[in-house]
Amino acid sequence: MYYLHNPYEAQGPYNTDNVFFDRLAGAFEFLESAVQQGKIRDYGLASYSCFRVKPSEAKIHLNLQKVHQVAQQVGGDRDHHFRYVQVPINLMMPEAFCEPWQAFEDAEGVER
């Protein structure tokens, strides 16, 4: 397993979302290549804050569904190797576990 560590925290506040997602796609392309070469099996994102803050916190919040869509575009709908997300979960930071701050848009376009 290979983690990209805090990619949004390091890139998001300083770039447009288009630039960030283009860079993320490039990183995923590299990681998919590493999978094909047998160097890694899967990859994911490790994040301190971007998956556990409110969506209203611009340039801090990152929508996990959008990240997954980038993985699908790069590696295929079911063939990509983006598998893991690591976030802190503890008594002082329970948000990723107990707050519905990751919106999900279903196939009909309804946000849940």
N, C-alpha and C. Protein backbone atom coordinates (compact mmCIF):
# COMPACT_ATOMS: atom_id res chain seq x y z
N MET A 1 0.84 -1.17 0.00
CA MET A 1 0.00 0.00 0.00
C MET A 1 0.89 1.23 0.00
N TYR A 2 0.47 2.23 -0.77
CA TYR A 2 1.20 3.48 -0.85
C TYR A 2 0.23 4.61 -0.55
N TYR A 3 0.57 5.45 0.40
CA TYR A 3 -0.26 6.60 0.73
C TYR A 3 0.35 7.89 0.18
N LEU A 4 -0.49 8.72 -0.44
CA LEU A 4 -0.14 10.11 -0.69
C LEU A 4 -0.51 10.85 0.59
N HIS A 5 0.45 11.49 1.21
CA HIS A 5 0.24 12.08 2.52
C HIS A 5 -0.14 13.56 2.40
N ASN A 6 -1.32 13.90 2.91
CA ASN A 6 -1.82 15.28 2.93
C ASN A 6 -1.74 16.00 1.59
N PRO A 7 -2.16 15.37 0.49
CA PRO A 7 -2.03 16.07 -0.79
C PRO A 7 -2.88 17.33 -0.88
N TYR A 8 -4.09 17.30 -0.33
CA TYR A 8 -4.93 18.49 -0.45
C TYR A 8 -4.48 19.58 0.51
N GLU A 9 -4.06 19.20 1.70
CA GLU A 9 -3.58 20.20 2.65
C GLU A 9 -2.36 20.93 2.07
N ALA A 10 -1.52 20.21 1.33
CA ALA A 10 -0.30 20.81 0.78
C ALA A 10 -0.55 21.55 -0.53
N GLN A 11 -1.56 21.17 -1.30
CA GLN A 11 -1.77 21.73 -2.63
C GLN A 11 -3.05 22.57 -2.76
N GLY A 12 -4.12 22.13 -2.14
CA GLY A 12 -5.43 22.75 -2.34
C GLY A 12 -5.51 24.23 -2.04
N PRO A 13 -5.02 24.67 -0.89
CA PRO A 13 -5.15 26.09 -0.55
C PRO A 13 -4.39 27.02 -1.49
N TYR A 14 -3.44 26.49 -2.24
CA TYR A 14 -2.57 27.33 -3.06
C TYR A 14 -2.86 27.21 -4.56
N ASN A 15 -3.84 26.41 -4.91
CA ASN A 15 -4.15 26.17 -6.33
C ASN A 15 -5.66 26.14 -6.53
N THR A 16 -6.07 26.25 -7.78
CA THR A 16 -7.48 26.05 -8.08
C THR A 16 -7.78 24.56 -7.98
N ASP A 17 -9.06 24.22 -7.87
CA ASP A 17 -9.42 22.80 -7.82
C ASP A 17 -9.00 22.09 -9.11
N ASN A 18 -9.11 22.78 -10.25
CA ASN A 18 -8.68 22.16 -11.52
C ASN A 18 -7.22 21.77 -11.47
N VAL A 19 -6.37 22.64 -10.97
CA VAL A 19 -4.94 22.33 -10.87
C VAL A 19 -4.73 21.18 -9.90
N PHE A 20 -5.40 21.22 -8.75
CA PHE A 20 -5.23 20.14 -7.78
C PHE A 20 -5.65 18.80 -8.38
N PHE A 21 -6.82 18.74 -9.00
CA PHE A 21 -7.30 17.45 -9.52
C PHE A 21 -6.48 16.98 -10.71
N ASP A 22 -5.93 17.89 -11.50
CA ASP A 22 -5.00 17.49 -12.56
C ASP A 22 -3.74 16.86 -11.96
N ARG A 23 -3.23 17.47 -10.91
CA ARG A 23 -2.04 16.91 -10.24
C ARG A 23 -2.35 15.58 -9.59
N LEU A 24 -3.54 15.48 -8.99
CA LEU A 24 -3.93 14.22 -8.37
C LEU A 24 -4.04 13.13 -9.43
N ALA A 25 -4.62 13.46 -10.58
CA ALA A 25 -4.71 12.48 -11.67
C ALA A 25 -3.31 12.03 -12.11
N GLY A 26 -2.37 12.96 -12.19
CA GLY A 26 -1.01 12.61 -12.55
C GLY A 26 -0.38 11.67 -11.53
N ALA A 27 -0.62 11.95 -10.25
CA ALA A 27 -0.11 11.07 -9.19
C ALA A 27 -0.76 9.69 -9.28
N PHE A 28 -2.07 9.66 -9.53
CA PHE A 28 -2.76 8.37 -9.66
C PHE A 28 -2.25 7.60 -10.88
N GLU A 29 -1.96 8.29 -11.97
CA GLU A 29 -1.39 7.62 -13.14
C GLU A 29 -0.05 6.97 -12.79
N PHE A 30 0.79 7.71 -12.06
CA PHE A 30 2.07 7.17 -11.63
C PHE A 30 1.86 5.93 -10.74
N LEU A 31 0.92 6.03 -9.81
CA LEU A 31 0.67 4.92 -8.89
C LEU A 31 0.06 3.71 -9.60
N GLU A 32 -0.83 3.95 -10.57
CA GLU A 32 -1.36 2.83 -11.36
C GLU A 32 -0.23 2.15 -12.14
N SER A 33 0.72 2.94 -12.62
CA SER A 33 1.88 2.39 -13.31
C SER A 33 2.71 1.54 -12.35
N ALA A 34 2.88 2.02 -11.13
CA ALA A 34 3.62 1.25 -10.12
C ALA A 34 2.92 -0.06 -9.80
N VAL A 35 1.59 -0.05 -9.81
CA VAL A 35 0.84 -1.30 -9.61
C VAL A 35 1.13 -2.26 -10.77
N GLN A 36 1.06 -1.76 -11.99
CA GLN A 36 1.29 -2.61 -13.16
C GLN A 36 2.70 -3.20 -13.16
N GLN A 37 3.66 -2.46 -12.60
CA GLN A 37 5.04 -2.94 -12.53
C GLN A 37 5.28 -3.86 -11.33
N GLY A 38 4.26 -4.05 -10.51
CA GLY A 38 4.38 -4.92 -9.34
C GLY A 38 5.11 -4.28 -8.17
N LYS A 39 5.27 -2.97 -8.19
CA LYS A 39 5.98 -2.28 -7.10
C LYS A 39 5.09 -2.03 -5.89
N ILE A 40 3.81 -1.82 -6.13
CA ILE A 40 2.83 -1.65 -5.06
C ILE A 40 1.58 -2.42 -5.45
N ARG A 41 0.72 -2.68 -4.49
CA ARG A 41 -0.53 -3.39 -4.79
C ARG A 41 -1.71 -2.43 -4.88
N ASP A 42 -1.77 -1.48 -3.94
CA ASP A 42 -2.87 -0.51 -3.87
C ASP A 42 -2.32 0.81 -3.36
N TYR A 43 -3.17 1.86 -3.42
CA TYR A 43 -2.76 3.16 -2.92
C TYR A 43 -3.95 3.88 -2.32
N GLY A 44 -3.66 4.98 -1.62
CA GLY A 44 -4.72 5.76 -1.00
C GLY A 44 -4.22 7.12 -0.59
N LEU A 45 -5.04 7.82 0.16
CA LEU A 45 -4.70 9.15 0.66
C LEU A 45 -4.71 9.12 2.18
N ALA A 46 -3.68 9.69 2.78
CA ALA A 46 -3.63 9.90 4.22
C ALA A 46 -3.81 11.40 4.43
N SER A 47 -4.74 11.76 5.27
CA SER A 47 -5.07 13.17 5.44
C SER A 47 -5.30 13.51 6.90
N TYR A 48 -4.78 14.64 7.30
CA TYR A 48 -5.03 15.09 8.66
C TYR A 48 -6.41 15.74 8.79
N SER A 49 -6.80 16.52 7.80
CA SER A 49 -8.03 17.28 8.00
C SER A 49 -9.02 17.28 6.84
N CYS A 50 -8.60 17.13 5.61
CA CYS A 50 -9.48 17.45 4.47
C CYS A 50 -10.72 16.57 4.37
N PHE A 51 -10.71 15.37 4.93
CA PHE A 51 -11.89 14.51 4.86
C PHE A 51 -12.76 14.61 6.12
N ARG A 52 -12.33 15.39 7.10
CA ARG A 52 -13.07 15.44 8.36
C ARG A 52 -13.51 16.85 8.76
N VAL A 53 -13.51 17.77 7.79
CA VAL A 53 -14.00 19.12 8.05
C VAL A 53 -15.27 19.36 7.25
N LYS A 54 -16.03 20.34 7.66
CA LYS A 54 -17.29 20.67 6.99
C LYS A 54 -17.06 21.05 5.53
N PRO A 55 -17.98 20.67 4.64
CA PRO A 55 -17.86 21.08 3.23
C PRO A 55 -17.82 22.59 3.05
N SER A 56 -18.37 23.34 3.97
CA SER A 56 -18.37 24.80 3.86
C SER A 56 -16.99 25.40 4.10
N GLU A 57 -16.06 24.60 4.58
CA GLU A 57 -14.71 25.10 4.84
C GLU A 57 -13.89 24.99 3.55
N ALA A 58 -14.07 25.99 2.70
CA ALA A 58 -13.41 26.01 1.40
C ALA A 58 -11.90 25.95 1.55
N LYS A 59 -11.28 25.29 0.62
CA LYS A 59 -9.82 25.12 0.57
C LYS A 59 -9.28 24.29 1.73
N ILE A 60 -10.18 23.67 2.50
CA ILE A 60 -9.76 22.72 3.53
C ILE A 60 -10.45 21.38 3.30
N HIS A 61 -11.74 21.42 2.97
CA HIS A 61 -12.54 20.21 2.73
C HIS A 61 -12.25 19.64 1.34
N LEU A 62 -12.14 18.32 1.27
CA LEU A 62 -12.00 17.62 -0.01
C LEU A 62 -13.06 16.54 -0.08
N ASN A 63 -13.82 16.55 -1.16
CA ASN A 63 -14.89 15.57 -1.34
C ASN A 63 -14.30 14.24 -1.80
N LEU A 64 -14.51 13.21 -1.02
CA LEU A 64 -13.96 11.89 -1.31
C LEU A 64 -14.53 11.30 -2.59
N GLN A 65 -15.78 11.60 -2.90
CA GLN A 65 -16.38 11.09 -4.14
C GLN A 65 -15.64 11.65 -5.35
N LYS A 66 -15.24 12.90 -5.30
CA LYS A 66 -14.48 13.48 -6.42
C LYS A 66 -13.12 12.80 -6.57
N VAL A 67 -12.48 12.48 -5.45
CA VAL A 67 -11.21 11.76 -5.49
C VAL A 67 -11.41 10.40 -6.14
N HIS A 68 -12.47 9.72 -5.74
CA HIS A 68 -12.77 8.40 -6.31
C HIS A 68 -13.04 8.50 -7.81
N GLN A 69 -13.71 9.55 -8.24
CA GLN A 69 -13.97 9.75 -9.66
C GLN A 69 -12.67 9.94 -10.44
N VAL A 70 -11.70 10.62 -9.86
CA VAL A 70 -10.39 10.76 -10.51
C VAL A 70 -9.74 9.39 -10.65
N ALA A 71 -9.81 8.59 -9.61
CA ALA A 71 -9.25 7.23 -9.67
C ALA A 71 -9.93 6.41 -10.76
N GLN A 72 -11.24 6.55 -10.89
CA GLN A 72 -11.96 5.83 -11.94
C GLN A 72 -11.56 6.31 -13.33
N GLN A 73 -11.39 7.60 -13.49
CA GLN A 73 -10.97 8.14 -14.79
C GLN A 73 -9.58 7.64 -15.18
N VAL A 74 -8.70 7.54 -14.21
CA VAL A 74 -7.32 7.13 -14.48
C VAL A 74 -7.20 5.62 -14.65
N GLY A 75 -7.81 4.87 -13.74
CA GLY A 75 -7.59 3.42 -13.73
C GLY A 75 -8.75 2.57 -14.19
N GLY A 76 -9.87 3.20 -14.52
CA GLY A 76 -11.05 2.45 -14.93
C GLY A 76 -12.06 2.35 -13.81
N ASP A 77 -13.33 2.19 -14.18
CA ASP A 77 -14.41 2.17 -13.19
C ASP A 77 -14.18 1.14 -12.08
N ARG A 78 -13.75 -0.05 -12.45
CA ARG A 78 -13.57 -1.11 -11.46
C ARG A 78 -12.14 -1.62 -11.39
N ASP A 79 -11.27 -1.08 -12.21
CA ASP A 79 -9.90 -1.60 -12.28
C ASP A 79 -8.88 -0.74 -11.55
N HIS A 80 -9.28 0.42 -11.03
CA HIS A 80 -8.31 1.27 -10.33
C HIS A 80 -7.91 0.62 -9.01
N HIS A 81 -6.81 1.08 -8.46
CA HIS A 81 -6.28 0.51 -7.22
C HIS A 81 -6.30 1.51 -6.06
N PHE A 82 -7.12 2.55 -6.17
CA PHE A 82 -7.32 3.48 -5.05
C PHE A 82 -8.24 2.77 -4.07
N ARG A 83 -7.70 2.42 -2.91
CA ARG A 83 -8.46 1.59 -1.97
C ARG A 83 -8.56 2.15 -0.55
N TYR A 84 -7.68 3.06 -0.16
CA TYR A 84 -7.58 3.39 1.25
C TYR A 84 -7.62 4.90 1.50
N VAL A 85 -8.18 5.24 2.66
CA VAL A 85 -8.15 6.60 3.18
C VAL A 85 -7.78 6.48 4.65
N GLN A 86 -6.82 7.28 5.06
CA GLN A 86 -6.41 7.29 6.46
C GLN A 86 -6.69 8.67 7.02
N VAL A 87 -7.45 8.73 8.12
CA VAL A 87 -7.75 9.98 8.80
C VAL A 87 -7.62 9.75 10.31
N PRO A 88 -7.30 10.79 11.05
CA PRO A 88 -7.25 10.61 12.49
C PRO A 88 -8.67 10.47 13.05
N ILE A 89 -8.84 9.49 13.90
CA ILE A 89 -10.10 9.31 14.63
C ILE A 89 -9.72 9.02 16.07
N ASN A 90 -10.10 9.92 16.95
CA ASN A 90 -9.84 9.75 18.38
C ASN A 90 -10.83 10.60 19.15
N LEU A 91 -10.69 10.65 20.45
CA LEU A 91 -11.65 11.41 21.26
C LEU A 91 -11.67 12.89 20.93
N MET A 92 -10.55 13.43 20.52
CA MET A 92 -10.48 14.85 20.20
C MET A 92 -10.82 15.14 18.74
N MET A 93 -10.79 14.12 17.87
CA MET A 93 -11.05 14.29 16.44
C MET A 93 -11.97 13.17 15.93
N PRO A 94 -13.24 13.16 16.36
CA PRO A 94 -14.15 12.09 15.95
C PRO A 94 -14.91 12.36 14.65
N GLU A 95 -14.65 13.50 14.00
CA GLU A 95 -15.49 13.98 12.90
C GLU A 95 -15.65 12.97 11.76
N ALA A 96 -14.57 12.35 11.35
CA ALA A 96 -14.63 11.43 10.21
C ALA A 96 -15.53 10.24 10.51
N PHE A 97 -15.69 9.94 11.78
CA PHE A 97 -16.50 8.80 12.19
C PHE A 97 -17.96 9.16 12.46
N CYS A 98 -18.19 10.37 12.96
CA CYS A 98 -19.54 10.66 13.43
C CYS A 98 -20.24 11.84 12.76
N GLU A 99 -19.57 12.52 11.84
CA GLU A 99 -20.20 13.65 11.17
C GLU A 99 -20.43 13.34 9.69
N PRO A 100 -21.59 13.70 9.15
CA PRO A 100 -21.89 13.41 7.73
C PRO A 100 -21.33 14.50 6.80
N TRP A 101 -20.04 14.73 6.86
CA TRP A 101 -19.44 15.84 6.11
C TRP A 101 -18.88 15.42 4.77
N GLN A 102 -19.11 14.20 4.37
CA GLN A 102 -18.71 13.76 3.03
C GLN A 102 -19.98 13.53 2.23
N ALA A 103 -20.35 14.53 1.46
CA ALA A 103 -21.55 14.43 0.63
C ALA A 103 -21.32 13.42 -0.48
N PHE A 104 -22.39 12.74 -0.85
CA PHE A 104 -22.34 11.74 -1.90
C PHE A 104 -23.48 11.99 -2.86
N GLU A 105 -23.17 12.08 -4.14
CA GLU A 105 -24.19 12.28 -5.15
C GLU A 105 -24.49 10.92 -5.79
N ASP A 106 -25.76 10.50 -5.72
CA ASP A 106 -26.11 9.19 -6.27
C ASP A 106 -26.23 9.26 -7.80
N ALA A 107 -26.56 8.13 -8.42
CA ALA A 107 -26.61 8.03 -9.88
C ALA A 107 -27.61 8.99 -10.51
N GLU A 108 -28.64 9.39 -9.74
CA GLU A 108 -29.64 10.33 -10.25
C GLU A 108 -29.23 11.78 -10.00
N GLY A 109 -28.05 11.98 -9.40
CA GLY A 109 -27.59 13.34 -9.13
C GLY A 109 -28.11 13.95 -7.86
N VAL A 110 -28.70 13.11 -6.98
CA VAL A 110 -29.23 13.59 -5.72
C VAL A 110 -28.12 13.50 -4.67
N GLU A 111 -27.85 14.63 -4.02
CA GLU A 111 -26.81 14.64 -2.98
C GLU A 111 -27.37 14.07 -1.70
N ARG A 112 -26.60 13.21 -1.10
CA ARG A 112 -27.03 12.55 0.16
C ARG A 112 -26.04 12.83 1.25
